[in-house]
Amino acid sequence: MKIKPLILLAVIICAAVIAFLIIRPAPLLKVNTIGSEAADFDLSGVNNNTMKLSDMRGSVVLVNFWATWCISCVEEMPALERLAEVLSGNPHFKIVTILYRDDLGRASQYLKQNGYIFPVYVNPDQKAAGLFGITGVPETFIIDKKGVLRDKVIGPADWDSPQVVSSLQALINESP
């Protein structure tokens, strides 16, 4: 009679060990940190275009995570658009905006209604958001020509201010 509970306990332990060996948690992504090389990622765009961060080496890249449901993001968008217009002639500057946990149809409608020209990408698996350690939106990251993360801005910013444009221009003028 005492053998049955021991057999049952042995079966439960074996099952737990097998389950642990088979079902392992996915490895955690290494989060980009200021001063380190930004990890590469691929995204598809709202207009069916694609991009790979490593293909933008040689350019300063502003990566902005946003959503239409985020009031601060919506308030920040006109400044991003003006920045895109101011630096649009410079081949060494790119803006990458990434839709964060939002409806693609709603975002496409929003972009069209406002006539925004900057590229918008989707991140359905949230890999890019994980690489940057996104905690909310808007969050923006500045990557230099060498692919090194130089700055992180949490919350909205006045992206077309003379100070920001000057700082970005200084990064653009740095040697690769």
C-alpha atoms as a PDB file:
ATOM      1  CA  MET A   1       0.000   0.000   0.000  1.00  0.00           C
ATOM      2  CA  LYS A   2       2.874   2.443   0.700  1.00  0.00           C
ATOM      3  CA  ILE A   3       4.463   1.641  -2.685  1.00  0.00           C
ATOM      4  CA  LYS A   4       1.654   3.226  -4.752  1.00  0.00           C
ATOM      5  CA  PRO A   5       2.170   6.767  -3.352  1.00  0.00           C
ATOM      6  CA  LEU A   6       5.947   6.435  -3.941  1.00  0.00           C
ATOM      7  CA  ILE A   7       5.391   5.338  -7.545  1.00  0.00           C
ATOM      8  CA  LEU A   8       2.951   8.197  -8.083  1.00  0.00           C
ATOM      9  CA  LEU A   9       5.477  10.665  -6.606  1.00  0.00           C
ATOM     10  CA  ALA A  10       8.257   9.269  -8.843  1.00  0.00           C
ATOM     11  CA  VAL A  11       6.022   9.630 -11.930  1.00  0.00           C
ATOM     12  CA  ILE A  12       5.164  13.232 -11.007  1.00  0.00           C
ATOM     13  CA  ILE A  13       8.837  14.116 -10.485  1.00  0.00           C
ATOM     14  CA  CYS A  14       9.823  12.482 -13.796  1.00  0.00           C
ATOM     15  CA  ALA A  15       7.052  14.341 -15.613  1.00  0.00           C
ATOM     16  CA  ALA A  16       8.155  17.652 -14.077  1.00  0.00           C
ATOM     17  CA  VAL A  17      11.797  17.065 -15.092  1.00  0.00           C
ATOM     18  CA  ILE A  18      10.783  16.122 -18.650  1.00  0.00           C
ATOM     19  CA  ALA A  19       8.486  19.153 -18.907  1.00  0.00           C
ATOM     20  CA  PHE A  20      11.284  21.432 -17.670  1.00  0.00           C
ATOM     21  CA  LEU A  21      13.727  20.024 -20.225  1.00  0.00           C
ATOM     22  CA  ILE A  22      11.264  20.312 -23.108  1.00  0.00           C
ATOM     23  CA  ILE A  23       9.559  23.597 -22.245  1.00  0.00           C
ATOM     24  CA  ARG A  24      12.323  26.083 -21.584  1.00  0.00           C
ATOM     25  CA  PRO A  25      11.677  29.804 -21.504  1.00  0.00           C
ATOM     26  CA  ALA A  26      12.931  31.679 -24.543  1.00  0.00           C
ATOM     27  CA  PRO A  27      16.290  33.338 -23.968  1.00  0.00           C
ATOM     28  CA  LEU A  28      15.974  36.973 -22.959  1.00  0.00           C
ATOM     29  CA  LEU A  29      16.966  39.554 -25.535  1.00  0.00           C
ATOM     30  CA  LYS A  30      19.978  41.672 -24.761  1.00  0.00           C
ATOM     31  CA  VAL A  31      18.625  45.198 -24.313  1.00  0.00           C
ATOM     32  CA  ASN A  32      20.462  47.977 -26.158  1.00  0.00           C
ATOM     33  CA  THR A  33      22.284  50.326 -23.809  1.00  0.00           C
ATOM     34  CA  ILE A  34      23.698  53.779 -24.441  1.00  0.00           C
ATOM     35  CA  GLY A  35      27.270  53.499 -25.665  1.00  0.00           C
ATOM     36  CA  SER A  36      26.853  49.990 -27.061  1.00  0.00           C
ATOM     37  CA  GLU A  37      26.191  48.868 -30.597  1.00  0.00           C
ATOM     38  CA  ALA A  38      22.465  48.682 -31.286  1.00  0.00           C
ATOM     39  CA  ALA A  39      21.315  45.136 -32.029  1.00  0.00           C
ATOM     40  CA  ASP A  40      20.076  44.569 -35.562  1.00  0.00           C
ATOM     41  CA  PHE A  41      16.423  43.979 -36.427  1.00  0.00           C
ATOM     42  CA  ASP A  42      14.167  43.758 -39.484  1.00  0.00           C
ATOM     43  CA  LEU A  43      10.807  45.473 -39.859  1.00  0.00           C
ATOM     44  CA  SER A  44       8.123  45.720 -42.488  1.00  0.00           C
ATOM     45  CA  GLY A  45       6.604  49.059 -43.293  1.00  0.00           C
ATOM     46  CA  VAL A  46       3.055  50.290 -43.384  1.00  0.00           C
ATOM     47  CA  ASN A  47       3.486  50.694 -47.154  1.00  0.00           C
ATOM     48  CA  ASN A  48       4.880  47.129 -47.544  1.00  0.00           C
ATOM     49  CA  ASN A  49       8.469  48.363 -47.579  1.00  0.00           C
ATOM     50  CA  THR A  50      11.072  46.667 -45.401  1.00  0.00           C
ATOM     51  CA  MET A  51      14.109  47.842 -43.490  1.00  0.00           C
ATOM     52  CA  LYS A  52      17.030  46.371 -41.627  1.00  0.00           C
ATOM     53  CA  LEU A  53      18.790  48.562 -39.063  1.00  0.00           C
ATOM     54  CA  SER A  54      22.262  47.393 -40.128  1.00  0.00           C
ATOM     55  CA  ASP A  55      21.540  48.615 -43.684  1.00  0.00           C
ATOM     56  CA  MET A  56      21.395  52.150 -42.276  1.00  0.00           C
ATOM     57  CA  ARG A  57      25.019  52.160 -41.094  1.00  0.00           C
ATOM     58  CA  GLY A  58      26.691  55.371 -42.170  1.00  0.00           C
ATOM     59  CA  SER A  59      23.578  57.359 -41.238  1.00  0.00           C
ATOM     60  CA  VAL A  60      22.345  58.807 -37.973  1.00  0.00           C
ATOM     61  CA  VAL A  61      19.082  57.013 -37.205  1.00  0.00           C
ATOM     62  CA  LEU A  62      16.286  58.314 -35.000  1.00  0.00           C
ATOM     63  CA  VAL A  63      14.130  55.361 -33.873  1.00  0.00           C
ATOM     64  CA  ASN A  64      10.774  56.391 -32.410  1.00  0.00           C
ATOM     65  CA  PHE A  65       8.218  54.008 -30.883  1.00  0.00           C
ATOM     66  CA  TRP A  66       4.681  55.424 -30.902  1.00  0.00           C
ATOM     67  CA  ALA A  67       0.969  54.581 -31.071  1.00  0.00           C
ATOM     68  CA  THR A  68      -2.196  56.371 -32.170  1.00  0.00           C
ATOM     69  CA  TRP A  69      -3.805  55.689 -28.781  1.00  0.00           C
ATOM     70  CA  CYS A  70      -0.954  57.572 -27.058  1.00  0.00           C
ATOM     71  CA  ILE A  71      -1.838  61.251 -26.605  1.00  0.00           C
ATOM     72  CA  SER A  72       1.802  62.277 -26.080  1.00  0.00           C
ATOM     73  CA  CYS A  73       2.784  60.434 -29.261  1.00  0.00           C
ATOM     74  CA  VAL A  74       0.125  62.187 -31.303  1.00  0.00           C
ATOM     75  CA  GLU A  75       1.250  65.543 -29.896  1.00  0.00           C
ATOM     76  CA  GLU A  76       4.869  64.721 -30.801  1.00  0.00           C
ATOM     77  CA  MET A  77       4.192  63.658 -34.407  1.00  0.00           C
ATOM     78  CA  PRO A  78       4.117  67.166 -35.977  1.00  0.00           C
ATOM     79  CA  ALA A  79       7.616  67.874 -34.587  1.00  0.00           C
ATOM     80  CA  LEU A  80       8.896  64.573 -35.998  1.00  0.00           C
ATOM     81  CA  GLU A  81       7.360  65.438 -39.358  1.00  0.00           C
ATOM     82  CA  ARG A  82       9.013  68.878 -39.354  1.00  0.00           C
ATOM     83  CA  LEU A  83      12.357  67.270 -38.412  1.00  0.00           C
ATOM     84  CA  ALA A  84      11.942  64.830 -41.298  1.00  0.00           C
ATOM     85  CA  GLU A  85      11.325  67.776 -43.629  1.00  0.00           C
ATOM     86  CA  VAL A  86      14.289  69.806 -42.293  1.00  0.00           C
ATOM     87  CA  LEU A  87      16.769  66.914 -42.657  1.00  0.00           C
ATOM     88  CA  SER A  88      15.150  65.166 -45.642  1.00  0.00           C
ATOM     89  CA  GLY A  89      17.877  66.346 -48.006  1.00  0.00           C
ATOM     90  CA  ASN A  90      20.623  64.763 -45.930  1.00  0.00           C
ATOM     91  CA  PRO A  91      21.382  61.180 -47.019  1.00  0.00           C
ATOM     92  CA  HIS A  92      23.103  60.538 -43.666  1.00  0.00           C
ATOM     93  CA  PHE A  93      19.959  60.946 -41.566  1.00  0.00           C
ATOM     94  CA  LYS A  94      17.063  58.493 -41.275  1.00  0.00           C
ATOM     95  CA  ILE A  95      13.886  58.454 -39.205  1.00  0.00           C
ATOM     96  CA  VAL A  96      12.399  55.093 -38.315  1.00  0.00           C
ATOM     97  CA  THR A  97       9.073  55.223 -36.520  1.00  0.00           C
ATOM     98  CA  ILE A  98       7.751  51.950 -35.149  1.00  0.00           C
ATOM     99  CA  LEU A  99       4.109  51.377 -34.346  1.00  0.00           C
ATOM    100  CA  TYR A 100       3.812  49.937 -30.840  1.00  0.00           C
ATOM    101  CA  ARG A 101       0.880  47.685 -29.938  1.00  0.00           C
ATOM    102  CA  ASP A 102      -1.540  49.494 -32.195  1.00  0.00           C
ATOM    103  CA  ASP A 103      -3.963  48.736 -34.995  1.00  0.00           C
ATOM    104  CA  LEU A 104      -2.302  49.051 -38.409  1.00  0.00           C
ATOM    105  CA  GLY A 105      -5.504  50.224 -40.100  1.00  0.00           C
ATOM    106  CA  ARG A 106      -6.052  52.987 -37.563  1.00  0.00           C
ATOM    107  CA  ALA A 107      -2.405  54.060 -37.838  1.00  0.00           C
ATOM    108  CA  SER A 108      -2.538  54.122 -41.651  1.00  0.00           C
ATOM    109  CA  GLN A 109      -5.669  56.267 -41.503  1.00  0.00           C
ATOM    110  CA  TYR A 110      -4.034  58.627 -38.997  1.00  0.00           C
ATOM    111  CA  LEU A 111      -0.912  59.014 -41.157  1.00  0.00           C
ATOM    112  CA  LYS A 112      -2.970  59.668 -44.277  1.00  0.00           C
ATOM    113  CA  GLN A 113      -5.223  62.227 -42.552  1.00  0.00           C
ATOM    114  CA  ASN A 114      -2.193  64.180 -41.342  1.00  0.00           C
ATOM    115  CA  GLY A 115      -0.075  63.835 -44.500  1.00  0.00           C
ATOM    116  CA  TYR A 116       2.967  62.485 -42.650  1.00  0.00           C
ATOM    117  CA  ILE A 117       5.852  61.461 -44.910  1.00  0.00           C
ATOM    118  CA  PHE A 118       8.199  59.774 -42.464  1.00  0.00           C
ATOM    119  CA  PRO A 119       8.382  55.970 -42.736  1.00  0.00           C
ATOM    120  CA  VAL A 120       6.319  53.919 -40.284  1.00  0.00           C
ATOM    121  CA  TYR A 121       7.113  50.287 -39.574  1.00  0.00           C
ATOM    122  CA  VAL A 122       5.251  47.567 -37.718  1.00  0.00           C
ATOM    123  CA  ASN A 123       6.732  45.280 -35.093  1.00  0.00           C
ATOM    124  CA  PRO A 124       4.189  42.466 -34.636  1.00  0.00           C
ATOM    125  CA  ASP A 125       6.537  40.195 -32.666  1.00  0.00           C
ATOM    126  CA  GLN A 126       7.724  43.168 -30.527  1.00  0.00           C
ATOM    127  CA  LYS A 127      11.373  42.103 -31.070  1.00  0.00           C
ATOM    128  CA  ALA A 128      12.575  45.647 -31.769  1.00  0.00           C
ATOM    129  CA  ALA A 129      10.659  46.929 -28.730  1.00  0.00           C
ATOM    130  CA  GLY A 130      12.326  44.213 -26.634  1.00  0.00           C
ATOM    131  CA  LEU A 131      15.791  45.075 -27.942  1.00  0.00           C
ATOM    132  CA  PHE A 132      15.302  48.669 -26.861  1.00  0.00           C
ATOM    133  CA  GLY A 133      13.645  47.763 -23.540  1.00  0.00           C
ATOM    134  CA  ILE A 134      10.533  49.792 -24.279  1.00  0.00           C
ATOM    135  CA  THR A 135       8.533  50.571 -21.145  1.00  0.00           C
ATOM    136  CA  GLY A 136       5.946  52.815 -22.791  1.00  0.00           C
ATOM    137  CA  VAL A 137       5.514  55.264 -25.625  1.00  0.00           C
ATOM    138  CA  PRO A 138       6.744  57.542 -26.920  1.00  0.00           C
ATOM    139  CA  GLU A 139      10.343  56.440 -26.561  1.00  0.00           C
ATOM    140  CA  THR A 140      13.020  57.567 -28.976  1.00  0.00           C
ATOM    141  CA  PHE A 141      16.571  56.398 -29.586  1.00  0.00           C
ATOM    142  CA  ILE A 142      19.409  58.074 -31.484  1.00  0.00           C
ATOM    143  CA  ILE A 143      21.914  55.777 -33.185  1.00  0.00           C
ATOM    144  CA  ASP A 144      25.103  57.186 -34.669  1.00  0.00           C
ATOM    145  CA  LYS A 145      26.717  56.387 -38.028  1.00  0.00           C
ATOM    146  CA  LYS A 146      28.686  53.504 -36.489  1.00  0.00           C
ATOM    147  CA  GLY A 147      25.531  51.879 -35.151  1.00  0.00           C
ATOM    148  CA  VAL A 148      26.152  52.907 -31.530  1.00  0.00           C
ATOM    149  CA  LEU A 149      23.183  53.935 -29.390  1.00  0.00           C
ATOM    150  CA  ARG A 150      23.951  57.515 -28.349  1.00  0.00           C
ATOM    151  CA  ASP A 151      20.778  58.707 -26.634  1.00  0.00           C
ATOM    152  CA  LYS A 152      17.414  57.583 -25.272  1.00  0.00           C
ATOM    153  CA  VAL A 153      14.496  59.949 -24.763  1.00  0.00           C
ATOM    154  CA  ILE A 154      11.514  58.765 -22.740  1.00  0.00           C
ATOM    155  CA  GLY A 155       8.383  60.766 -23.423  1.00  0.00           C
ATOM    156  CA  PRO A 156       7.609  63.395 -26.023  1.00  0.00           C
ATOM    157  CA  ALA A 157      10.210  65.854 -27.275  1.00  0.00           C
ATOM    158  CA  ASP A 158      10.366  68.937 -29.446  1.00  0.00           C
ATOM    159  CA  TRP A 159      12.251  67.174 -32.257  1.00  0.00           C
ATOM    160  CA  ASP A 160      12.425  70.149 -34.577  1.00  0.00           C
ATOM    161  CA  SER A 161      13.858  72.605 -32.037  1.00  0.00           C
ATOM    162  CA  PRO A 162      17.108  74.337 -33.048  1.00  0.00           C
ATOM    163  CA  GLN A 163      18.974  72.541 -30.223  1.00  0.00           C
ATOM    164  CA  VAL A 164      17.864  69.074 -31.363  1.00  0.00           C
ATOM    165  CA  VAL A 165      18.528  69.809 -35.031  1.00  0.00           C
ATOM    166  CA  SER A 166      21.983  71.141 -34.100  1.00  0.00           C
ATOM    167  CA  SER A 167      22.772  68.032 -31.999  1.00  0.00           C
ATOM    168  CA  LEU A 168      21.658  65.719 -34.793  1.00  0.00           C
ATOM    169  CA  GLN A 169      23.652  67.733 -37.341  1.00  0.00           C
ATOM    170  CA  ALA A 170      26.754  67.386 -35.124  1.00  0.00           C
ATOM    171  CA  LEU A 171      26.292  63.579 -35.128  1.00  0.00           C
ATOM    172  CA  ILE A 172      25.749  63.605 -38.894  1.00  0.00           C
ATOM    173  CA  ASN A 173      29.004  65.549 -39.346  1.00  0.00           C
ATOM    174  CA  GLU A 174      31.047  63.061 -37.253  1.00  0.00           C
ATOM    175  CA  SER A 175      33.351  60.742 -39.163  1.00  0.00           C
ATOM    176  CA  PRO A 176      32.028  57.184 -39.468  1.00  0.00           C
END
